[in-house]
Amino acid sequence: MQKIKLPITDNIATEQVDQFRKFITSPAIIQLSIGVIVGGSLTDLIKSVISFASNLFYFLSLILFSNAHTAKVSLILNPLRSVFESSMTLCAVAACVFFFVKLINKFLIKEASEALGYNAQLEETKKLIEIQKQTNDLLKRSVNLQEKILNESQGNK
């Protein structure tokens, strides 16, 4: 029986690392991650707001329709605290995701086209505007030279 040998070279390892880097920095993966992470925090915030609204209505119904008026302010303050905590969590998670994406763009992205937020149409438009400026400058120089030649030919007559 013959043994099969697979040559492990730096090229294979480098290729695998490069493929992983491209996978982890692909805009689709990053956008999916952002959606899942921020979506989870947003879900908690929405649940807290609904809980607050529910307890607020319960508090008001106790005050308005109860003979003993036994409503406690804690019915409103506890869910309000939860809304505040969820809001702060959402802001903190969004900030962490933002800075993580900037970190990925700075250290793992090799080409500008791989960066999250890269807009190919905008870049092409910028290039076309620059080319148009160069063309306009060449046309101005051409017109100036033509006027100079015309003036010289009219001065010789």
N, C-alpha and C. Protein backbone atom coordinates (compact mmCIF):
# COMPACT_ATOMS: atom_id res chain seq x y z
N MET A 1 0.84 -1.17 0.00
CA MET A 1 0.00 0.00 0.00
C MET A 1 0.89 1.24 0.00
N GLN A 2 0.56 2.13 -0.87
CA GLN A 2 1.35 3.33 -1.02
C GLN A 2 0.73 4.47 -0.22
N LYS A 3 1.58 5.21 0.45
CA LYS A 3 1.09 6.35 1.23
C LYS A 3 1.02 7.57 0.32
N ILE A 4 -0.05 8.32 0.52
CA ILE A 4 -0.21 9.55 -0.26
C ILE A 4 0.36 10.69 0.57
N LYS A 5 1.26 11.42 -0.02
CA LYS A 5 1.85 12.56 0.68
C LYS A 5 1.32 13.85 0.07
N LEU A 6 0.85 14.70 0.93
CA LEU A 6 0.41 16.02 0.49
C LEU A 6 1.48 17.03 0.87
N PRO A 7 2.05 17.66 -0.10
CA PRO A 7 3.07 18.65 0.24
C PRO A 7 2.42 19.88 0.85
N ILE A 8 2.83 20.19 2.06
CA ILE A 8 2.32 21.40 2.71
C ILE A 8 3.38 22.47 2.53
N THR A 9 2.99 23.47 1.82
CA THR A 9 3.93 24.56 1.55
C THR A 9 3.36 25.85 2.09
N ASP A 10 4.18 26.84 2.07
CA ASP A 10 3.74 28.17 2.51
C ASP A 10 2.64 28.70 1.62
N ASN A 11 2.65 28.30 0.35
CA ASN A 11 1.62 28.79 -0.57
C ASN A 11 0.23 28.33 -0.16
N ILE A 12 0.11 27.07 0.27
CA ILE A 12 -1.20 26.55 0.67
C ILE A 12 -1.68 27.27 1.92
N ALA A 13 -0.80 27.41 2.91
CA ALA A 13 -1.17 28.10 4.15
C ALA A 13 -1.51 29.56 3.87
N THR A 14 -0.72 30.21 3.07
CA THR A 14 -0.97 31.61 2.73
C THR A 14 -2.29 31.75 1.99
N GLU A 15 -2.55 30.81 1.08
CA GLU A 15 -3.80 30.85 0.33
C GLU A 15 -5.00 30.68 1.25
N GLN A 16 -4.90 29.75 2.20
CA GLN A 16 -6.00 29.52 3.15
C GLN A 16 -6.23 30.75 4.02
N VAL A 17 -5.17 31.34 4.51
CA VAL A 17 -5.29 32.55 5.34
C VAL A 17 -5.90 33.68 4.52
N ASP A 18 -5.47 33.81 3.28
CA ASP A 18 -6.01 34.87 2.43
C ASP A 18 -7.50 34.63 2.14
N GLN A 19 -7.88 33.37 1.89
CA GLN A 19 -9.29 33.07 1.66
C GLN A 19 -10.12 33.36 2.91
N PHE A 20 -9.59 33.02 4.09
CA PHE A 20 -10.31 33.31 5.33
C PHE A 20 -10.44 34.81 5.54
N ARG A 21 -9.38 35.56 5.26
CA ARG A 21 -9.42 37.01 5.39
C ARG A 21 -10.47 37.60 4.46
N LYS A 22 -10.53 37.11 3.25
CA LYS A 22 -11.54 37.60 2.30
C LYS A 22 -12.95 37.23 2.76
N PHE A 23 -13.10 36.03 3.33
CA PHE A 23 -14.42 35.61 3.83
C PHE A 23 -14.85 36.50 4.99
N ILE A 24 -13.98 36.69 5.96
CA ILE A 24 -14.35 37.42 7.18
C ILE A 24 -14.54 38.90 6.90
N THR A 25 -13.90 39.41 5.86
CA THR A 25 -14.04 40.83 5.54
C THR A 25 -15.02 41.09 4.41
N SER A 26 -15.67 40.04 3.93
CA SER A 26 -16.62 40.28 2.84
C SER A 26 -17.79 41.11 3.34
N PRO A 27 -18.22 42.08 2.57
CA PRO A 27 -19.31 42.97 3.01
C PRO A 27 -20.58 42.22 3.41
N ALA A 28 -20.87 41.10 2.74
CA ALA A 28 -22.09 40.35 3.08
C ALA A 28 -22.00 39.78 4.49
N ILE A 29 -20.86 39.22 4.87
CA ILE A 29 -20.68 38.65 6.21
C ILE A 29 -20.73 39.76 7.26
N ILE A 30 -20.07 40.86 7.00
CA ILE A 30 -20.06 41.96 7.97
C ILE A 30 -21.46 42.54 8.12
N GLN A 31 -22.18 42.72 7.03
CA GLN A 31 -23.54 43.25 7.13
C GLN A 31 -24.46 42.29 7.86
N LEU A 32 -24.31 41.00 7.62
CA LEU A 32 -25.10 40.02 8.34
C LEU A 32 -24.80 40.08 9.83
N SER A 33 -23.54 40.16 10.18
CA SER A 33 -23.15 40.25 11.59
C SER A 33 -23.72 41.49 12.24
N ILE A 34 -23.63 42.60 11.56
CA ILE A 34 -24.17 43.85 12.10
C ILE A 34 -25.67 43.73 12.29
N GLY A 35 -26.35 43.14 11.33
CA GLY A 35 -27.80 42.97 11.43
C GLY A 35 -28.19 42.11 12.61
N VAL A 36 -27.47 41.01 12.82
CA VAL A 36 -27.79 40.11 13.93
C VAL A 36 -27.49 40.78 15.27
N ILE A 37 -26.34 41.40 15.39
CA ILE A 37 -25.94 41.99 16.67
C ILE A 37 -26.82 43.18 17.03
N VAL A 38 -26.94 44.13 16.12
CA VAL A 38 -27.75 45.32 16.41
C VAL A 38 -29.23 44.94 16.48
N GLY A 39 -29.65 43.97 15.68
CA GLY A 39 -31.05 43.52 15.72
C GLY A 39 -31.41 42.94 17.07
N GLY A 40 -30.49 42.18 17.66
CA GLY A 40 -30.74 41.62 19.00
C GLY A 40 -30.91 42.71 20.04
N SER A 41 -30.05 43.74 19.97
CA SER A 41 -30.17 44.85 20.92
C SER A 41 -31.44 45.65 20.68
N LEU A 42 -31.80 45.81 19.43
CA LEU A 42 -33.01 46.55 19.10
C LEU A 42 -34.25 45.78 19.58
N THR A 43 -34.21 44.47 19.49
CA THR A 43 -35.31 43.64 19.99
C THR A 43 -35.50 43.85 21.49
N ASP A 44 -34.40 43.88 22.23
CA ASP A 44 -34.50 44.12 23.68
C ASP A 44 -35.09 45.49 23.96
N LEU A 45 -34.69 46.49 23.19
CA LEU A 45 -35.22 47.84 23.38
C LEU A 45 -36.72 47.87 23.10
N ILE A 46 -37.15 47.24 22.05
CA ILE A 46 -38.58 47.22 21.71
C ILE A 46 -39.38 46.50 22.79
N LYS A 47 -38.86 45.38 23.29
CA LYS A 47 -39.54 44.68 24.38
C LYS A 47 -39.66 45.56 25.62
N SER A 48 -38.61 46.31 25.92
CA SER A 48 -38.64 47.20 27.09
C SER A 48 -39.66 48.31 26.91
N VAL A 49 -39.73 48.89 25.72
CA VAL A 49 -40.70 49.96 25.46
C VAL A 49 -42.13 49.42 25.58
N ILE A 50 -42.36 48.23 25.06
CA ILE A 50 -43.69 47.63 25.15
C ILE A 50 -44.04 47.35 26.61
N SER A 51 -43.09 46.85 27.37
CA SER A 51 -43.32 46.59 28.80
C SER A 51 -43.63 47.90 29.53
N PHE A 52 -42.89 48.96 29.21
CA PHE A 52 -43.13 50.25 29.83
C PHE A 52 -44.53 50.76 29.49
N ALA A 53 -44.92 50.68 28.22
CA ALA A 53 -46.25 51.15 27.82
C ALA A 53 -47.34 50.34 28.50
N SER A 54 -47.15 49.03 28.58
CA SER A 54 -48.13 48.17 29.23
C SER A 54 -48.29 48.53 30.71
N ASN A 55 -47.18 48.71 31.40
CA ASN A 55 -47.25 49.06 32.82
C ASN A 55 -47.79 50.47 33.03
N LEU A 56 -47.50 51.38 32.09
CA LEU A 56 -48.06 52.73 32.20
C LEU A 56 -49.58 52.67 32.10
N PHE A 57 -50.10 51.92 31.14
CA PHE A 57 -51.56 51.78 31.03
C PHE A 57 -52.16 51.11 32.26
N TYR A 58 -51.47 50.12 32.78
CA TYR A 58 -51.95 49.44 33.98
C TYR A 58 -51.97 50.42 35.17
N PHE A 59 -50.92 51.22 35.30
CA PHE A 59 -50.83 52.22 36.37
C PHE A 59 -51.98 53.23 36.26
N LEU A 60 -52.20 53.72 35.04
CA LEU A 60 -53.28 54.69 34.84
C LEU A 60 -54.65 54.07 35.09
N SER A 61 -54.83 52.80 34.70
CA SER A 61 -56.12 52.15 34.95
C SER A 61 -56.36 51.96 36.44
N LEU A 62 -55.29 51.67 37.20
CA LEU A 62 -55.45 51.54 38.65
C LEU A 62 -55.85 52.88 39.28
N ILE A 63 -55.22 53.95 38.81
CA ILE A 63 -55.54 55.27 39.37
C ILE A 63 -56.96 55.68 39.00
N LEU A 64 -57.35 55.47 37.77
CA LEU A 64 -58.65 55.94 37.30
C LEU A 64 -59.82 55.06 37.76
N PHE A 65 -59.62 53.75 37.78
CA PHE A 65 -60.76 52.86 37.98
C PHE A 65 -60.74 52.10 39.31
N SER A 66 -59.73 52.26 40.11
CA SER A 66 -59.68 51.56 41.39
C SER A 66 -60.25 52.45 42.49
N ASN A 67 -61.01 51.85 43.38
CA ASN A 67 -61.58 52.62 44.49
C ASN A 67 -60.51 53.01 45.50
N ALA A 68 -59.56 52.13 45.71
CA ALA A 68 -58.54 52.38 46.73
C ALA A 68 -57.35 53.17 46.17
N HIS A 69 -57.26 53.31 44.86
CA HIS A 69 -56.14 54.00 44.21
C HIS A 69 -54.80 53.49 44.74
N THR A 70 -54.58 52.21 44.59
CA THR A 70 -53.39 51.57 45.15
C THR A 70 -52.25 51.44 44.15
N ALA A 71 -52.23 52.24 43.14
CA ALA A 71 -51.16 52.16 42.13
C ALA A 71 -49.83 52.60 42.72
N LYS A 72 -48.78 51.87 42.37
CA LYS A 72 -47.44 52.19 42.85
C LYS A 72 -46.62 52.75 41.70
N VAL A 73 -45.81 53.73 42.00
CA VAL A 73 -44.98 54.36 40.98
C VAL A 73 -43.95 53.37 40.45
N SER A 74 -43.61 52.38 41.23
CA SER A 74 -42.63 51.39 40.77
C SER A 74 -43.12 50.63 39.54
N LEU A 75 -44.45 50.63 39.32
CA LEU A 75 -44.98 50.00 38.11
C LEU A 75 -44.48 50.69 36.85
N ILE A 76 -44.19 51.97 36.96
CA ILE A 76 -43.71 52.74 35.80
C ILE A 76 -42.19 52.83 35.81
N LEU A 77 -41.60 53.03 36.99
CA LEU A 77 -40.16 53.27 37.06
C LEU A 77 -39.32 52.05 36.68
N ASN A 78 -39.73 50.87 37.08
CA ASN A 78 -38.94 49.67 36.73
C ASN A 78 -38.87 49.45 35.22
N PRO A 79 -40.00 49.48 34.50
CA PRO A 79 -39.89 49.33 33.04
C PRO A 79 -39.17 50.51 32.37
N LEU A 80 -39.30 51.70 32.95
CA LEU A 80 -38.60 52.85 32.39
C LEU A 80 -37.09 52.66 32.52
N ARG A 81 -36.66 52.12 33.66
CA ARG A 81 -35.24 51.81 33.85
C ARG A 81 -34.78 50.79 32.80
N SER A 82 -35.63 49.81 32.53
CA SER A 82 -35.31 48.79 31.53
C SER A 82 -35.18 49.41 30.14
N VAL A 83 -36.06 50.36 29.82
CA VAL A 83 -35.97 51.05 28.52
C VAL A 83 -34.65 51.81 28.43
N PHE A 84 -34.28 52.49 29.50
CA PHE A 84 -33.03 53.24 29.52
C PHE A 84 -31.84 52.30 29.35
N GLU A 85 -31.84 51.18 30.08
CA GLU A 85 -30.75 50.22 29.98
C GLU A 85 -30.65 49.64 28.57
N SER A 86 -31.79 49.32 27.99
CA SER A 86 -31.78 48.76 26.63
C SER A 86 -31.29 49.79 25.62
N SER A 87 -31.66 51.05 25.82
CA SER A 87 -31.19 52.12 24.92
C SER A 87 -29.69 52.28 25.01
N MET A 88 -29.19 52.27 26.22
CA MET A 88 -27.74 52.41 26.42
C MET A 88 -27.00 51.19 25.85
N THR A 89 -27.58 50.01 26.02
CA THR A 89 -26.98 48.79 25.46
C THR A 89 -26.93 48.87 23.94
N LEU A 90 -28.02 49.31 23.34
CA LEU A 90 -28.06 49.44 21.88
C LEU A 90 -26.99 50.41 21.40
N CYS A 91 -26.87 51.55 22.07
CA CYS A 91 -25.84 52.53 21.67
C CYS A 91 -24.44 51.96 21.84
N ALA A 92 -24.20 51.26 22.94
CA ALA A 92 -22.88 50.68 23.19
C ALA A 92 -22.56 49.59 22.15
N VAL A 93 -23.53 48.75 21.85
CA VAL A 93 -23.32 47.69 20.86
C VAL A 93 -23.06 48.30 19.48
N ALA A 94 -23.84 49.31 19.12
CA ALA A 94 -23.65 49.96 17.82
C ALA A 94 -22.26 50.60 17.74
N ALA A 95 -21.82 51.23 18.83
CA ALA A 95 -20.48 51.84 18.84
C ALA A 95 -19.40 50.77 18.70
N CYS A 96 -19.55 49.66 19.41
CA CYS A 96 -18.57 48.57 19.32
C CYS A 96 -18.52 48.00 17.91
N VAL A 97 -19.67 47.80 17.31
CA VAL A 97 -19.72 47.27 15.94
C VAL A 97 -19.07 48.26 14.99
N PHE A 98 -19.36 49.55 15.15
CA PHE A 98 -18.79 50.59 14.29
C PHE A 98 -17.26 50.56 14.36
N PHE A 99 -16.71 50.54 15.58
CA PHE A 99 -15.26 50.57 15.72
C PHE A 99 -14.63 49.24 15.30
N PHE A 100 -15.34 48.13 15.46
CA PHE A 100 -14.84 46.85 14.99
C PHE A 100 -14.75 46.84 13.47
N VAL A 101 -15.75 47.37 12.80
CA VAL A 101 -15.73 47.44 11.34
C VAL A 101 -14.59 48.36 10.87
N LYS A 102 -14.39 49.48 11.56
CA LYS A 102 -13.28 50.36 11.20
C LYS A 102 -11.94 49.64 11.39
N LEU A 103 -11.84 48.84 12.47
CA LEU A 103 -10.63 48.07 12.73
C LEU A 103 -10.39 47.05 11.62
N ILE A 104 -11.45 46.36 11.21
CA ILE A 104 -11.33 45.40 10.11
C ILE A 104 -10.90 46.12 8.84
N ASN A 105 -11.54 47.25 8.54
CA ASN A 105 -11.19 48.00 7.33
C ASN A 105 -9.74 48.48 7.36
N LYS A 106 -9.24 48.80 8.55
CA LYS A 106 -7.88 49.34 8.63
C LYS A 106 -6.81 48.25 8.55
N PHE A 107 -7.04 47.12 9.23
CA PHE A 107 -5.97 46.13 9.34
C PHE A 107 -6.12 44.90 8.46
N LEU A 108 -7.32 44.51 8.10
CA LEU A 108 -7.49 43.28 7.34
C LEU A 108 -7.76 43.50 5.86
N ILE A 109 -8.17 44.69 5.49
CA ILE A 109 -8.51 44.98 4.10
C ILE A 109 -7.23 45.37 3.35
N LYS A 110 -7.00 44.69 2.25
CA LYS A 110 -5.82 44.99 1.44
C LYS A 110 -6.15 45.93 0.30
N GLU A 111 -7.35 45.82 -0.25
CA GLU A 111 -7.75 46.67 -1.38
C GLU A 111 -8.96 47.49 -0.96
N ALA A 112 -9.05 48.69 -1.48
CA ALA A 112 -10.17 49.58 -1.12
C ALA A 112 -11.51 48.98 -1.51
N SER A 113 -11.52 48.20 -2.58
CA SER A 113 -12.78 47.61 -3.04
C SER A 113 -13.32 46.56 -2.09
N GLU A 114 -12.48 46.03 -1.19
CA GLU A 114 -12.93 45.03 -0.22
C GLU A 114 -13.54 45.67 1.03
N ALA A 115 -13.31 46.95 1.25
CA ALA A 115 -13.75 47.61 2.48
C ALA A 115 -15.27 47.73 2.53
N LEU A 116 -15.79 47.59 3.75
CA LEU A 116 -17.23 47.77 3.93
C LEU A 116 -17.53 49.25 3.71
N GLY A 117 -18.52 49.51 2.92
CA GLY A 117 -18.89 50.89 2.61
C GLY A 117 -18.27 51.38 1.31
N TYR A 118 -17.50 50.52 0.65
CA TYR A 118 -16.91 50.91 -0.63
C TYR A 118 -18.01 51.05 -1.67
N ASN A 119 -17.99 52.15 -2.39
CA ASN A 119 -19.01 52.42 -3.40
C ASN A 119 -18.31 52.50 -4.75
N ALA A 120 -18.42 51.43 -5.53
CA ALA A 120 -17.73 51.37 -6.82
C ALA A 120 -18.22 52.45 -7.77
N GLN A 121 -19.51 52.73 -7.77
CA GLN A 121 -20.05 53.76 -8.67
C GLN A 121 -19.49 55.14 -8.31
N LEU A 122 -19.38 55.42 -7.02
CA LEU A 122 -18.82 56.70 -6.59
C LEU A 122 -17.37 56.83 -7.03
N GLU A 123 -16.60 55.77 -6.87
CA GLU A 123 -15.20 55.80 -7.27
C GLU A 123 -15.06 55.99 -8.78
N GLU A 124 -15.90 55.31 -9.55
CA GLU A 124 -15.87 55.47 -11.00
C GLU A 124 -16.27 56.89 -11.39
N THR A 125 -17.25 57.44 -10.71
CA THR A 125 -17.68 58.81 -10.98
C THR A 125 -16.55 59.79 -10.70
N LYS A 126 -15.84 59.59 -9.59
CA LYS A 126 -14.70 60.45 -9.25
C LYS A 126 -13.63 60.38 -10.34
N LYS A 127 -13.36 59.17 -10.83
CA LYS A 127 -12.37 59.01 -11.90
C LYS A 127 -12.82 59.72 -13.17
N LEU A 128 -14.11 59.56 -13.51
CA LEU A 128 -14.64 60.22 -14.71
C LEU A 128 -14.58 61.74 -14.58
N ILE A 129 -14.86 62.27 -13.41
CA ILE A 129 -14.79 63.72 -13.19
C ILE A 129 -13.36 64.20 -13.37
N GLU A 130 -12.40 63.45 -12.86
CA GLU A 130 -10.99 63.84 -13.00
C GLU A 130 -10.58 63.80 -14.47
N ILE A 131 -11.00 62.78 -15.19
CA ILE A 131 -10.68 62.68 -16.62
C ILE A 131 -11.35 63.83 -17.39
N GLN A 132 -12.58 64.17 -16.99
CA GLN A 132 -13.28 65.28 -17.65
C GLN A 132 -12.54 66.59 -17.40
N LYS A 133 -12.01 66.80 -16.21
CA LYS A 133 -11.23 68.02 -15.92
C LYS A 133 -9.98 68.08 -16.80
N GLN A 134 -9.30 66.94 -16.94
CA GLN A 134 -8.11 66.90 -17.79
C GLN A 134 -8.47 67.20 -19.24
N THR A 135 -9.58 66.64 -19.69
CA THR A 135 -10.04 66.89 -21.06
C THR A 135 -10.36 68.36 -21.25
N ASN A 136 -11.04 68.96 -20.29
CA ASN A 136 -11.37 70.38 -20.37
C ASN A 136 -10.11 71.24 -20.42
N ASP A 137 -9.10 70.90 -19.61
CA ASP A 137 -7.84 71.64 -19.63
C ASP A 137 -7.16 71.53 -20.99
N LEU A 138 -7.18 70.32 -21.56
CA LEU A 138 -6.58 70.14 -22.89
C LEU A 138 -7.34 70.94 -23.95
N LEU A 139 -8.66 70.96 -23.86
CA LEU A 139 -9.45 71.74 -24.81
C LEU A 139 -9.16 73.24 -24.67
N LYS A 140 -9.01 73.72 -23.45
CA LYS A 140 -8.69 75.14 -23.25
C LYS A 140 -7.34 75.48 -23.86
N ARG A 141 -6.35 74.60 -23.63
CA ARG A 141 -5.04 74.84 -24.22
C ARG A 141 -5.10 74.81 -25.74
N SER A 142 -5.88 73.88 -26.28
CA SER A 142 -6.02 73.78 -27.73
C SER A 142 -6.65 75.05 -28.29
N VAL A 143 -7.70 75.55 -27.65
CA VAL A 143 -8.36 76.78 -28.10
C VAL A 143 -7.39 77.96 -28.01
N ASN A 144 -6.63 78.04 -26.92
CA ASN A 144 -5.66 79.13 -26.77
C ASN A 144 -4.60 79.08 -27.86
N LEU A 145 -4.11 77.87 -28.17
CA LEU A 145 -3.11 77.73 -29.23
C LEU A 145 -3.69 78.09 -30.59
N GLN A 146 -4.92 77.69 -30.84
CA GLN A 146 -5.57 78.03 -32.11
C GLN A 146 -5.75 79.54 -32.23
N GLU A 147 -6.16 80.20 -31.16
CA GLU A 147 -6.31 81.66 -31.19
C GLU A 147 -4.97 82.33 -31.42
N LYS A 148 -3.93 81.80 -30.77
CA LYS A 148 -2.59 82.36 -30.94
C LYS A 148 -2.12 82.23 -32.39
N ILE A 149 -2.36 81.06 -32.96
CA ILE A 149 -1.98 80.83 -34.37
C ILE A 149 -2.77 81.75 -35.29
N LEU A 150 -4.06 81.91 -35.05
CA LEU A 150 -4.89 82.80 -35.86
C LEU A 150 -4.41 84.25 -35.74
N ASN A 151 -4.11 84.67 -34.53
CA ASN A 151 -3.62 86.04 -34.34
C ASN A 151 -2.30 86.27 -35.04
N GLU A 152 -1.40 85.28 -34.98
CA GLU A 152 -0.11 85.41 -35.67
C GLU A 152 -0.28 85.44 -37.18
N SER A 153 -1.21 84.59 -37.69
CA SER A 153 -1.41 84.56 -39.14
C SER A 153 -2.07 85.83 -39.63
N GLN A 154 -2.95 86.44 -38.81
CA GLN A 154 -3.58 87.70 -39.18
C GLN A 154 -2.60 88.86 -39.05
N GLY A 155 -1.66 88.75 -38.11
CA GLY A 155 -0.64 89.79 -37.96
C GLY A 155 0.36 89.78 -39.08
N ASN A 156 0.61 88.65 -39.73
CA ASN A 156 1.54 88.52 -40.85
C ASN A 156 0.96 89.06 -42.13
N LYS A 157 -0.36 89.17 -42.21
CA LYS A 157 -0.99 89.63 -43.46
C LYS A 157 -0.99 91.08 -43.56
